[in-house]
Amino acid sequence: MENNTEIEAAVFRKLLKHLDERKEVQNIDLMNLADFCRNCLSKWYVSEASERGVEVEYEEARTMVYGMPYDEWKQKYQKKATPEQLAAFNNRK
């Protein structure tokens, strides 16, 4: 496919927009259901940039993924994990 990279980039942007529009979905929910979260996306971004010789700081990648600095997102949107969420997280291995 000729435009594969462009399509993949567009899909990634759509995924970020989708997550941004669903801030009620907590990272622990994503981890429990799909084994990845917003922080994982940030780490993958840093890793792939590094493989291409581009230095991207982790906090810079998190700001891109979260649409704001992580600490701000965490304060505004992150809820304390419930005992059920933590149990599911700890039992998923």
C-alpha atoms as a PDB file:
ATOM      1  CA  MET A   1       0.000   0.000   0.000  1.00  0.00           C
ATOM      2  CA  GLU A   2       1.565   3.274  -1.117  1.00  0.00           C
ATOM      3  CA  ASN A   3       0.140   5.616   1.481  1.00  0.00           C
ATOM      4  CA  ASN A   4       0.503   3.173   4.365  1.00  0.00           C
ATOM      5  CA  THR A   5       2.466   5.562   6.604  1.00  0.00           C
ATOM      6  CA  GLU A   6      -0.019   8.382   6.041  1.00  0.00           C
ATOM      7  CA  ILE A   7      -2.932   6.083   6.809  1.00  0.00           C
ATOM      8  CA  GLU A   8      -1.251   4.746   9.945  1.00  0.00           C
ATOM      9  CA  ALA A   9      -0.520   8.299  11.116  1.00  0.00           C
ATOM     10  CA  ALA A  10      -4.140   9.294  10.542  1.00  0.00           C
ATOM     11  CA  VAL A  11      -5.353   6.243  12.468  1.00  0.00           C
ATOM     12  CA  PHE A  12      -3.018   7.111  15.358  1.00  0.00           C
ATOM     13  CA  ARG A  13      -4.365  10.675  15.433  1.00  0.00           C
ATOM     14  CA  LYS A  14      -7.913   9.303  15.398  1.00  0.00           C
ATOM     15  CA  LEU A  15      -7.070   6.947  18.286  1.00  0.00           C
ATOM     16  CA  LEU A  16      -5.681   9.855  20.319  1.00  0.00           C
ATOM     17  CA  LYS A  17      -8.786  11.925  19.553  1.00  0.00           C
ATOM     18  CA  HIS A  18     -11.008   9.007  20.512  1.00  0.00           C
ATOM     19  CA  LEU A  19      -9.207   8.602  23.855  1.00  0.00           C
ATOM     20  CA  ASP A  20      -9.296  12.362  24.424  1.00  0.00           C
ATOM     21  CA  GLU A  21     -13.068  12.363  23.947  1.00  0.00           C
ATOM     22  CA  ARG A  22     -13.385   9.532  26.474  1.00  0.00           C
ATOM     23  CA  LYS A  23     -11.446  10.822  29.443  1.00  0.00           C
ATOM     24  CA  GLU A  24     -13.755   8.835  31.729  1.00  0.00           C
ATOM     25  CA  VAL A  25     -11.996   5.703  30.486  1.00  0.00           C
ATOM     26  CA  GLN A  26      -9.230   5.257  32.994  1.00  0.00           C
ATOM     27  CA  ASN A  27      -5.815   3.853  32.156  1.00  0.00           C
ATOM     28  CA  ILE A  28      -6.416   0.903  34.476  1.00  0.00           C
ATOM     29  CA  ASP A  29      -9.561   0.085  32.467  1.00  0.00           C
ATOM     30  CA  LEU A  30      -7.523   0.096  29.273  1.00  0.00           C
ATOM     31  CA  MET A  31      -4.833  -2.065  30.864  1.00  0.00           C
ATOM     32  CA  ASN A  32      -7.390  -4.553  32.168  1.00  0.00           C
ATOM     33  CA  LEU A  33      -9.222  -4.811  28.852  1.00  0.00           C
ATOM     34  CA  ALA A  34      -6.521  -4.323  26.232  1.00  0.00           C
ATOM     35  CA  ASP A  35      -3.164  -4.617  28.047  1.00  0.00           C
ATOM     36  CA  PHE A  36      -2.110  -1.103  27.047  1.00  0.00           C
ATOM     37  CA  CYS A  37      -2.915   2.441  28.154  1.00  0.00           C
ATOM     38  CA  ARG A  38      -2.115   6.050  27.339  1.00  0.00           C
ATOM     39  CA  ASN A  39       1.249   5.737  29.076  1.00  0.00           C
ATOM     40  CA  CYS A  40       2.068   2.709  26.934  1.00  0.00           C
ATOM     41  CA  LEU A  41       1.324   4.734  23.798  1.00  0.00           C
ATOM     42  CA  SER A  42       3.701   7.406  25.082  1.00  0.00           C
ATOM     43  CA  LYS A  43       6.449   4.849  25.722  1.00  0.00           C
ATOM     44  CA  TRP A  44       5.940   3.294  22.294  1.00  0.00           C
ATOM     45  CA  TYR A  45       6.191   6.745  20.714  1.00  0.00           C
ATOM     46  CA  VAL A  46       9.496   7.446  22.495  1.00  0.00           C
ATOM     47  CA  SER A  47      10.829   4.017  21.515  1.00  0.00           C
ATOM     48  CA  GLU A  48       9.902   4.313  17.844  1.00  0.00           C
ATOM     49  CA  ALA A  49      11.319   7.840  17.664  1.00  0.00           C
ATOM     50  CA  SER A  50      14.574   6.597  19.195  1.00  0.00           C
ATOM     51  CA  GLU A  51      14.808   3.766  16.650  1.00  0.00           C
ATOM     52  CA  ARG A  52      14.664   6.442  13.954  1.00  0.00           C
ATOM     53  CA  GLY A  53      17.342   8.589  15.595  1.00  0.00           C
ATOM     54  CA  VAL A  54      14.896  11.149  16.978  1.00  0.00           C
ATOM     55  CA  GLU A  55      15.074  12.027  20.646  1.00  0.00           C
ATOM     56  CA  VAL A  56      11.674  12.542  22.248  1.00  0.00           C
ATOM     57  CA  GLU A  57      11.378  12.952  25.999  1.00  0.00           C
ATOM     58  CA  TYR A  58       8.812  10.745  27.718  1.00  0.00           C
ATOM     59  CA  GLU A  59       6.967  13.737  29.209  1.00  0.00           C
ATOM     60  CA  GLU A  60       6.822  15.322  25.758  1.00  0.00           C
ATOM     61  CA  ALA A  61       5.260  12.148  24.370  1.00  0.00           C
ATOM     62  CA  ARG A  62       2.779  11.977  27.266  1.00  0.00           C
ATOM     63  CA  THR A  63       1.750  15.579  26.632  1.00  0.00           C
ATOM     64  CA  MET A  64       1.087  14.656  23.009  1.00  0.00           C
ATOM     65  CA  VAL A  65      -0.917  11.547  23.950  1.00  0.00           C
ATOM     66  CA  TYR A  66      -2.876  13.170  26.789  1.00  0.00           C
ATOM     67  CA  GLY A  67      -3.369  16.504  25.014  1.00  0.00           C
ATOM     68  CA  MET A  68      -1.937  18.311  28.058  1.00  0.00           C
ATOM     69  CA  PRO A  69       0.802  17.741  30.614  1.00  0.00           C
ATOM     70  CA  TYR A  70       0.265  14.403  32.337  1.00  0.00           C
ATOM     71  CA  ASP A  71       0.143  15.906  35.843  1.00  0.00           C
ATOM     72  CA  GLU A  72      -2.665  18.223  34.722  1.00  0.00           C
ATOM     73  CA  TRP A  73      -4.602  15.357  33.104  1.00  0.00           C
ATOM     74  CA  LYS A  74      -4.099  13.212  36.186  1.00  0.00           C
ATOM     75  CA  GLN A  75      -5.392  15.940  38.485  1.00  0.00           C
ATOM     76  CA  LYS A  76      -8.431  16.671  36.303  1.00  0.00           C
ATOM     77  CA  TYR A  77      -9.456  13.210  35.121  1.00  0.00           C
ATOM     78  CA  GLN A  78      -7.741  10.319  36.886  1.00  0.00           C
ATOM     79  CA  LYS A  79      -9.824   8.666  39.552  1.00  0.00           C
ATOM     80  CA  LYS A  80      -8.591   6.420  42.310  1.00  0.00           C
ATOM     81  CA  ALA A  81      -8.689   2.806  41.168  1.00  0.00           C
ATOM     82  CA  THR A  82     -11.416   0.726  42.746  1.00  0.00           C
ATOM     83  CA  PRO A  83     -10.596  -2.502  44.579  1.00  0.00           C
ATOM     84  CA  GLU A  84     -12.228  -4.375  41.677  1.00  0.00           C
ATOM     85  CA  GLN A  85     -10.053  -2.607  39.088  1.00  0.00           C
ATOM     86  CA  LEU A  86      -6.913  -3.301  41.112  1.00  0.00           C
ATOM     87  CA  ALA A  87      -7.848  -6.954  41.579  1.00  0.00           C
ATOM     88  CA  ALA A  88      -8.461  -7.361  37.842  1.00  0.00           C
ATOM     89  CA  PHE A  89      -5.142  -5.637  37.127  1.00  0.00           C
ATOM     90  CA  ASN A  90      -3.242  -7.858  39.539  1.00  0.00           C
ATOM     91  CA  ASN A  91      -4.930 -11.037  38.244  1.00  0.00           C
ATOM     92  CA  ARG A  92      -4.432 -10.432  34.519  1.00  0.00           C
ATOM     93  CA  LYS A  93      -1.029 -12.117  34.319  1.00  0.00           C
END
